[in-house]
N, C-alpha and C. Protein backbone atom coordinates (compact mmCIF):
# COMPACT_ATOMS: atom_id res chain seq x y z
N MET A 1 80.05 45.19 230.48
CA MET A 1 79.66 45.79 229.14
C MET A 1 80.50 46.54 228.56
N ALA A 2 80.61 46.44 227.16
CA ALA A 2 81.45 47.10 226.52
C ALA A 2 81.21 48.72 226.32
N VAL A 3 82.25 49.47 226.41
CA VAL A 3 82.16 50.92 226.23
C VAL A 3 81.41 51.09 225.31
N SER A 4 81.72 50.61 223.88
CA SER A 4 81.18 50.85 222.52
C SER A 4 79.86 50.94 222.56
N LYS A 5 79.03 50.00 223.37
CA LYS A 5 77.66 50.01 223.53
C LYS A 5 77.33 51.14 223.83
N TYR A 6 77.74 51.75 224.88
CA TYR A 6 77.35 53.00 225.39
C TYR A 6 77.59 54.17 224.59
N LEU A 7 78.70 54.32 223.75
CA LEU A 7 78.82 55.23 222.90
C LEU A 7 77.96 55.16 221.75
N ASN A 8 77.35 53.82 221.27
CA ASN A 8 76.38 53.75 220.31
C ASN A 8 75.04 54.21 220.67
N SER A 9 74.75 54.11 221.89
CA SER A 9 73.60 54.65 222.51
C SER A 9 73.70 56.31 222.40
N ALA A 10 74.68 56.61 222.73
CA ALA A 10 75.04 58.22 222.85
C ALA A 10 74.91 58.79 221.46
N GLU A 11 75.39 58.14 220.62
CA GLU A 11 75.39 58.57 219.07
C GLU A 11 73.90 58.54 218.83
N THR A 12 73.12 57.58 218.97
CA THR A 12 71.73 57.31 218.66
C THR A 12 70.89 58.32 219.40
N SER A 13 71.19 58.60 220.81
CA SER A 13 70.57 59.77 221.25
C SER A 13 70.69 61.28 220.74
N LEU A 14 72.00 61.43 220.33
CA LEU A 14 72.01 62.45 219.76
C LEU A 14 71.49 62.88 218.35
N GLU A 15 71.12 61.70 217.59
CA GLU A 15 70.52 61.83 216.27
C GLU A 15 69.09 62.01 216.84
N GLU A 16 68.51 61.62 217.71
CA GLU A 16 67.10 61.81 218.31
C GLU A 16 67.14 63.20 218.54
N VAL A 17 68.01 63.90 219.13
CA VAL A 17 67.97 65.45 219.52
C VAL A 17 67.84 66.03 218.51
N VAL A 18 68.88 65.80 217.38
CA VAL A 18 68.76 66.66 216.18
C VAL A 18 67.45 66.38 215.44
N GLY A 19 66.81 65.32 215.58
CA GLY A 19 65.24 65.08 214.85
C GLY A 19 64.38 66.14 215.88
N CYS A 20 64.57 66.27 216.90
CA CYS A 20 63.76 66.90 217.95
C CYS A 20 63.95 68.43 217.46
N LEU A 21 65.15 68.95 217.26
CA LEU A 21 65.55 70.34 216.95
C LEU A 21 64.63 70.65 215.56
N ASP A 22 64.84 69.55 214.56
CA ASP A 22 64.04 69.79 213.27
C ASP A 22 62.69 70.17 213.59
N LEU A 23 61.95 69.50 214.47
CA LEU A 23 60.49 69.51 214.55
C LEU A 23 60.28 70.71 215.40
N ILE A 24 60.94 71.27 216.47
CA ILE A 24 60.99 72.59 216.89
C ILE A 24 61.33 73.77 215.97
N LEU A 25 61.92 73.70 215.17
CA LEU A 25 62.36 74.50 214.10
C LEU A 25 60.96 74.59 213.12
N ASP A 26 60.37 73.55 212.85
CA ASP A 26 59.30 73.30 211.90
C ASP A 26 58.00 74.14 212.65
N ASP A 27 58.11 74.00 214.20
CA ASP A 27 56.95 74.74 214.94
C ASP A 27 57.34 76.20 215.21
N GLY A 28 58.34 76.84 214.60
CA GLY A 28 58.76 78.12 214.94
C GLY A 28 59.11 78.36 216.38
N LEU A 29 59.65 77.25 217.12
CA LEU A 29 60.15 77.50 218.37
C LEU A 29 61.45 77.81 218.55
N ILE A 30 62.15 77.75 217.54
CA ILE A 30 63.66 78.35 217.59
C ILE A 30 63.78 78.89 216.06
N THR A 31 64.92 79.58 215.84
CA THR A 31 65.31 80.22 214.70
C THR A 31 65.95 79.31 213.79
N LEU A 32 66.12 79.75 212.44
CA LEU A 32 66.77 78.81 211.56
C LEU A 32 68.46 79.08 212.06
N LYS A 33 68.69 80.39 212.79
CA LYS A 33 70.11 80.42 212.99
C LYS A 33 70.27 79.68 214.24
N GLU A 34 69.53 79.73 215.12
CA GLU A 34 69.63 78.81 216.31
C GLU A 34 69.85 77.40 216.01
N PHE A 35 68.91 77.15 215.28
CA PHE A 35 69.03 75.39 214.57
C PHE A 35 70.45 75.21 214.16
N GLU A 36 70.96 76.18 213.34
CA GLU A 36 72.34 76.11 212.70
C GLU A 36 73.14 75.85 213.68
N GLU A 37 73.18 76.66 214.84
CA GLU A 37 74.12 76.71 215.46
C GLU A 37 74.11 75.46 216.68
N TYR A 38 72.81 74.98 216.81
CA TYR A 38 72.84 73.64 217.71
C TYR A 38 73.09 72.52 216.63
N LEU A 39 72.83 72.48 215.49
CA LEU A 39 73.13 71.37 214.53
C LEU A 39 74.60 71.33 214.51
N LYS A 40 75.27 72.47 214.57
CA LYS A 40 77.18 72.53 214.37
C LYS A 40 77.50 71.84 215.72
N GLU A 41 77.06 72.43 216.91
CA GLU A 41 77.40 71.49 218.14
C GLU A 41 77.26 70.07 218.10
N ALA A 42 75.95 69.70 217.56
CA ALA A 42 75.76 68.40 217.51
C ALA A 42 76.64 67.51 216.72
N GLU A 43 76.94 68.35 215.51
CA GLU A 43 77.80 67.50 214.52
C GLU A 43 79.21 67.43 215.33
N ASP A 44 79.62 68.40 215.89
CA ASP A 44 80.88 68.43 216.66
C ASP A 44 80.96 67.17 217.58
N LEU A 45 79.91 67.25 218.38
CA LEU A 45 79.83 66.12 219.27
C LEU A 45 79.82 64.78 218.83
N GLY A 46 79.03 64.57 217.80
CA GLY A 46 79.00 63.41 216.92
C GLY A 46 80.20 63.01 216.63
N ALA A 47 81.14 64.01 216.02
CA ALA A 47 82.51 63.41 215.57
C ALA A 47 83.30 63.06 216.67
N GLN A 48 83.22 63.68 217.78
CA GLN A 48 83.95 63.37 219.04
C GLN A 48 83.49 62.01 219.33
N LEU A 49 82.17 61.49 219.46
CA LEU A 49 81.86 60.42 219.69
C LEU A 49 82.18 59.59 218.59
N ILE A 50 82.41 59.63 217.46
CA ILE A 50 82.95 58.65 216.48
C ILE A 50 84.20 58.14 216.72
N ALA A 51 85.02 59.39 216.74
CA ALA A 51 86.67 59.16 217.15
C ALA A 51 86.88 58.48 218.12
N PHE A 52 86.09 58.79 219.21
CA PHE A 52 86.20 58.10 220.58
C PHE A 52 85.87 56.50 220.54
N GLY A 53 84.70 56.20 219.76
CA GLY A 53 84.34 55.10 219.60
C GLY A 53 85.37 54.12 218.73
N LYS A 54 85.79 54.72 217.81
CA LYS A 54 86.53 54.03 217.02
C LYS A 54 88.20 53.55 217.86
N LYS A 55 88.50 54.54 218.63
CA LYS A 55 89.57 54.34 219.70
C LYS A 55 89.12 53.17 220.35
N VAL A 56 88.04 53.43 221.18
CA VAL A 56 87.62 52.23 221.99
C VAL A 56 87.67 50.82 221.24
N ARG A 57 87.04 50.64 220.41
CA ARG A 57 86.92 49.48 219.48
C ARG A 57 88.30 48.90 219.13
N ARG A 58 89.20 49.72 218.64
CA ARG A 58 90.48 49.51 218.23
C ARG A 58 91.37 48.98 219.32
N GLU A 59 91.04 49.40 220.53
CA GLU A 59 91.88 48.79 221.87
C GLU A 59 90.95 48.04 222.78
N GLY A 60 89.77 47.77 222.29
CA GLY A 60 88.94 46.82 223.13
C GLY A 60 88.78 47.16 224.53
N VAL A 61 88.69 48.41 224.52
CA VAL A 61 88.13 48.85 226.18
C VAL A 61 86.80 48.21 226.61
N ARG A 62 86.67 47.84 227.78
CA ARG A 62 85.49 47.57 228.63
C ARG A 62 85.34 48.07 229.95
N LEU A 63 84.25 48.23 230.12
CA LEU A 63 84.01 48.99 231.38
C LEU A 63 84.31 47.73 232.61
N GLN A 64 84.95 48.44 233.92
CA GLN A 64 85.32 47.45 234.79
C GLN A 64 83.84 46.90 235.39
N GLY A 65 84.37 45.49 235.89
CA GLY A 65 83.18 44.68 236.15
C GLY A 65 82.49 44.22 235.20
N SER A 66 82.77 44.24 234.04
CA SER A 66 82.05 43.38 233.03
C SER A 66 82.99 42.16 232.49
């Protein structure tokens, strides 16, 4: 299976986490400052996933045994 499929799943999961953060912010379980800190971390991780995904797609990397 192509590594890019796993990276796509990771990006989608990260988007789901951000959605959950938004919900717990609305429910008052975290502060706006905490939300912004987590969001920044998610944005940084998302940028890394996208950059790695571009490299993988460009080089055609596949998982062993696929």
